[in-house]
Amino acid sequence: MVLDGAGWHIAKDLRVPDAVTLVRLPADSPELNPVERIWLSLRERFLSARVFHDDEAILDACCTAWNALTAEPERVRSLANFPYNERVNA
């Protein structure tokens, strides 16, 4: 599991199962965090430069964006695939 520097990822009480390997990213490196690239893609393709009339419109747009992204597993794979992920999964 890839972790950024969020406080809940470094909590002393965090119990990590033996089957999970933690890979900590260097400080201030959002470009290395796979989920950051996924969020960027969602914002660029679906959510930026728009005005939403209410909370429901925001939720609808987010659901539409997420469903479109999950319908393209190869895109998700390409956005989240980093060399260090391959080494961890090997």
Protein backbone atom coordinates (compact mmCIF):
# COMPACT_ATOMS: atom_id res chain seq x y z
CA MET A 1 0.00 0.00 0.00
CA VAL A 2 1.38 3.39 -1.01
CA LEU A 3 1.19 6.07 1.68
CA ASP A 4 1.68 9.79 1.55
CA GLY A 5 2.60 11.83 4.61
CA ALA A 6 -0.91 12.16 6.01
CA GLY A 7 -1.05 12.04 9.78
CA TRP A 8 -3.28 8.97 9.90
CA HIS A 9 -0.69 7.05 7.87
CA ILE A 10 1.99 7.59 10.48
CA ALA A 11 -0.11 7.18 13.62
CA LYS A 12 1.60 5.16 16.34
CA ASP A 13 -1.55 3.08 16.83
CA LEU A 14 -1.69 1.98 13.17
CA ARG A 15 -1.71 -1.81 13.01
CA VAL A 16 -0.54 -3.19 9.68
CA PRO A 17 -1.45 -6.80 8.81
CA ASP A 18 1.48 -9.06 7.92
CA ALA A 19 0.12 -9.47 4.37
CA VAL A 20 0.38 -5.70 3.71
CA THR A 21 3.59 -3.88 2.79
CA LEU A 22 3.67 -0.13 3.34
CA VAL A 23 5.58 1.98 0.82
CA ARG A 24 6.00 5.54 2.11
CA LEU A 25 6.36 8.34 -0.40
CA PRO A 26 8.95 11.07 0.13
CA ALA A 27 7.64 14.26 1.72
CA ASP A 28 6.02 16.80 -0.64
CA SER A 29 5.81 14.45 -3.62
CA PRO A 30 2.21 14.39 -4.84
CA GLU A 31 3.47 13.56 -8.34
CA LEU A 32 4.46 10.13 -7.01
CA ASN A 33 1.09 9.37 -5.48
CA PRO A 34 -1.03 7.37 -7.94
CA VAL A 35 -4.33 8.64 -6.59
CA GLU A 36 -3.23 12.25 -7.17
CA ARG A 37 -2.91 11.47 -10.89
CA ILE A 38 -6.37 9.88 -10.90
CA TRP A 39 -7.92 12.93 -9.19
CA LEU A 40 -6.14 15.22 -11.65
CA SER A 41 -7.53 13.24 -14.56
CA LEU A 42 -11.06 13.42 -13.14
CA ARG A 43 -10.79 17.17 -12.61
CA GLU A 44 -9.31 17.83 -16.06
CA ARG A 45 -11.72 15.61 -17.99
CA PHE A 46 -14.97 16.10 -16.13
CA LEU A 47 -15.01 18.61 -13.29
CA SER A 48 -13.01 21.72 -14.14
CA ALA A 49 -14.27 25.01 -15.58
CA ARG A 50 -17.85 24.28 -14.58
CA VAL A 51 -20.41 26.02 -12.45
CA PHE A 52 -22.62 23.78 -10.35
CA HIS A 53 -26.03 25.05 -9.34
CA ASP A 54 -26.30 23.04 -6.13
CA ASP A 55 -24.83 20.18 -4.12
CA GLU A 56 -26.83 17.61 -6.05
CA ALA A 57 -25.30 18.82 -9.33
CA ILE A 58 -21.83 18.41 -7.84
CA LEU A 59 -22.65 14.90 -6.66
CA ASP A 60 -24.11 13.98 -10.05
CA ALA A 61 -21.02 15.29 -11.87
CA CYS A 62 -18.70 13.40 -9.53
CA CYS A 63 -20.66 10.16 -9.97
CA THR A 64 -20.66 10.57 -13.75
CA ALA A 65 -16.91 11.22 -13.74
CA TRP A 66 -16.19 8.26 -11.48
CA ASN A 67 -18.36 5.89 -13.52
CA ALA A 68 -16.68 7.01 -16.74
CA LEU A 69 -13.25 6.43 -15.22
CA THR A 70 -14.09 2.99 -13.83
CA ALA A 71 -15.40 1.99 -17.27
CA GLU A 72 -11.83 2.46 -18.54
CA PRO A 73 -9.64 0.13 -16.44
CA GLU A 74 -6.69 0.61 -18.79
CA ARG A 75 -6.78 4.37 -18.18
CA VAL A 76 -6.78 3.79 -14.42
CA ARG A 77 -3.90 1.35 -14.80
CA SER A 78 -1.90 3.82 -16.88
CA LEU A 79 -2.53 6.66 -14.43
CA ALA A 80 -1.64 4.64 -11.35
CA ASN A 81 1.21 2.53 -12.72
CA PHE A 82 4.57 3.60 -11.38
CA PRO A 83 7.84 1.63 -11.50
CA TYR A 84 7.94 1.34 -7.71
CA ASN A 85 4.50 -0.33 -7.77
CA GLU A 86 5.83 -3.03 -10.06
CA ARG A 87 8.76 -3.72 -7.72
CA VAL A 88 6.47 -3.94 -4.69
CA ASN A 89 4.04 -6.31 -6.44
CA ALA A 90 6.76 -8.59 -7.82
